[in-house]
Amino acid sequence: MSVSLQVLYPTTGGTTFDHDYYAATHLGLVDTHMAPHAQRIVVVKGTGDAAPFHAIATFVFADDAARDAALAAAGPALDDIPHFYSGAPVVLTGEVLD
């Protein structure tokens, strides 16, 4: 069964999010370090004044081992988060229901 990892960037608490930096720089780090282990990555940008999240990144992996390998390689991407987001992201892992 496929597994997922979601990184959610809440808008609560007056957090800021630099979408331009995220698209131009951060996603390149994700592509280099984490994407080789993923089956699919989807990023959704929150829109509208009442959006509860600035963005949500969803990674789908073949299995736990692939997710664990991506997380083991994620250091540069994790270290980059303060460059575009002023809060603490929420991480959700789970099973993909097909």
Protein backbone atom coordinates (compact mmCIF):
# COMPACT_ATOMS: atom_id res chain seq x y z
CA MET A 1 0.00 0.00 0.00
CA SER A 2 1.26 3.47 -0.85
CA VAL A 3 2.03 5.87 1.97
CA SER A 4 1.97 9.64 2.10
CA LEU A 5 3.67 12.51 3.80
CA GLN A 6 2.00 15.89 3.85
CA VAL A 7 3.64 19.13 4.89
CA LEU A 8 1.07 21.76 5.81
CA TYR A 9 1.94 25.42 6.30
CA PRO A 10 -0.82 26.98 8.47
CA THR A 11 -1.78 30.63 8.09
CA THR A 12 -2.52 30.93 11.81
CA GLY A 13 -0.67 33.27 14.14
CA GLY A 14 0.16 35.83 11.47
CA THR A 15 2.66 33.56 9.73
CA THR A 16 4.22 34.66 6.48
CA PHE A 17 5.04 32.55 3.43
CA ASP A 18 7.15 33.60 0.45
CA HIS A 19 5.52 31.74 -2.45
CA ASP A 20 8.04 33.06 -4.97
CA TYR A 21 11.01 31.72 -3.00
CA TYR A 22 9.17 28.45 -2.38
CA ALA A 23 8.57 27.91 -6.10
CA ALA A 24 11.94 29.17 -7.34
CA THR A 25 14.29 27.70 -4.72
CA HIS A 26 12.72 25.37 -2.18
CA LEU A 27 11.00 23.08 -4.67
CA GLY A 28 14.35 22.61 -6.39
CA LEU A 29 15.81 21.31 -3.12
CA VAL A 30 12.84 19.01 -2.70
CA ASP A 31 13.29 17.78 -6.26
CA THR A 32 16.98 17.06 -5.73
CA HIS A 33 16.82 15.42 -2.32
CA MET A 34 13.37 13.91 -1.83
CA ALA A 35 11.68 13.45 -5.21
CA PRO A 36 13.88 10.54 -6.31
CA HIS A 37 12.17 8.45 -3.62
CA ALA A 38 8.61 9.60 -4.36
CA GLN A 39 6.05 8.34 -6.82
CA ARG A 40 4.33 11.71 -6.95
CA ILE A 41 4.50 15.15 -5.37
CA VAL A 42 1.61 17.63 -5.47
CA VAL A 43 1.75 21.15 -4.06
CA VAL A 44 -1.41 23.16 -3.50
CA LYS A 45 -1.22 26.90 -2.91
CA GLY A 46 -3.89 28.26 -0.59
CA THR A 47 -5.92 31.08 -2.10
CA GLY A 48 -8.25 33.65 -0.63
CA ASP A 49 -8.11 35.60 2.59
CA ALA A 50 -9.65 32.80 4.67
CA ALA A 51 -7.38 29.98 3.49
CA PRO A 52 -6.28 27.92 6.52
CA PHE A 53 -2.97 27.01 4.86
CA HIS A 54 -0.44 28.95 2.80
CA ALA A 55 0.39 25.69 1.00
CA ILE A 56 0.19 21.93 1.37
CA ALA A 57 2.80 19.62 -0.14
CA THR A 58 1.75 15.99 -0.56
CA PHE A 59 4.29 13.26 -1.25
CA VAL A 60 3.19 9.75 -2.25
CA PHE A 61 5.63 6.87 -1.79
CA ALA A 62 5.49 3.22 -2.77
CA ASP A 63 6.04 2.12 0.83
CA ASP A 64 7.45 3.06 4.23
CA ALA A 65 11.02 2.35 3.10
CA ALA A 66 10.76 4.89 0.27
CA ARG A 67 9.27 7.49 2.64
CA ASP A 68 12.02 6.84 5.17
CA ALA A 69 14.68 7.21 2.46
CA ALA A 70 13.18 10.55 1.40
CA LEU A 71 13.13 11.77 4.99
CA ALA A 72 16.74 10.66 5.49
CA ALA A 73 17.72 12.77 2.47
CA ALA A 74 15.52 15.76 3.38
CA GLY A 75 18.05 17.70 5.48
CA PRO A 76 18.74 20.53 3.00
CA ALA A 77 15.02 20.97 2.31
CA LEU A 78 14.17 21.02 6.02
CA ASP A 79 16.94 23.51 6.75
CA ASP A 80 15.52 25.79 4.04
CA ILE A 81 12.05 26.18 5.59
CA PRO A 82 12.88 29.36 7.60
CA HIS A 83 13.79 31.08 4.33
CA PHE A 84 10.16 31.11 3.18
CA TYR A 85 7.91 30.30 6.16
CA SER A 86 7.82 32.05 9.53
CA GLY A 87 5.99 29.31 11.45
CA ALA A 88 6.31 25.62 12.17
CA PRO A 89 4.89 23.33 9.50
CA VAL A 90 2.56 20.50 10.42
CA VAL A 91 3.51 17.04 9.13
CA LEU A 92 0.99 14.28 8.53
CA THR A 93 1.95 10.76 7.51
CA GLY A 94 -0.48 8.06 6.55
CA GLU A 95 -1.67 5.36 4.21
CA VAL A 96 -3.07 6.23 0.80
CA LEU A 97 -6.56 4.85 0.35
CA ASP A 98 -7.11 3.91 -3.27
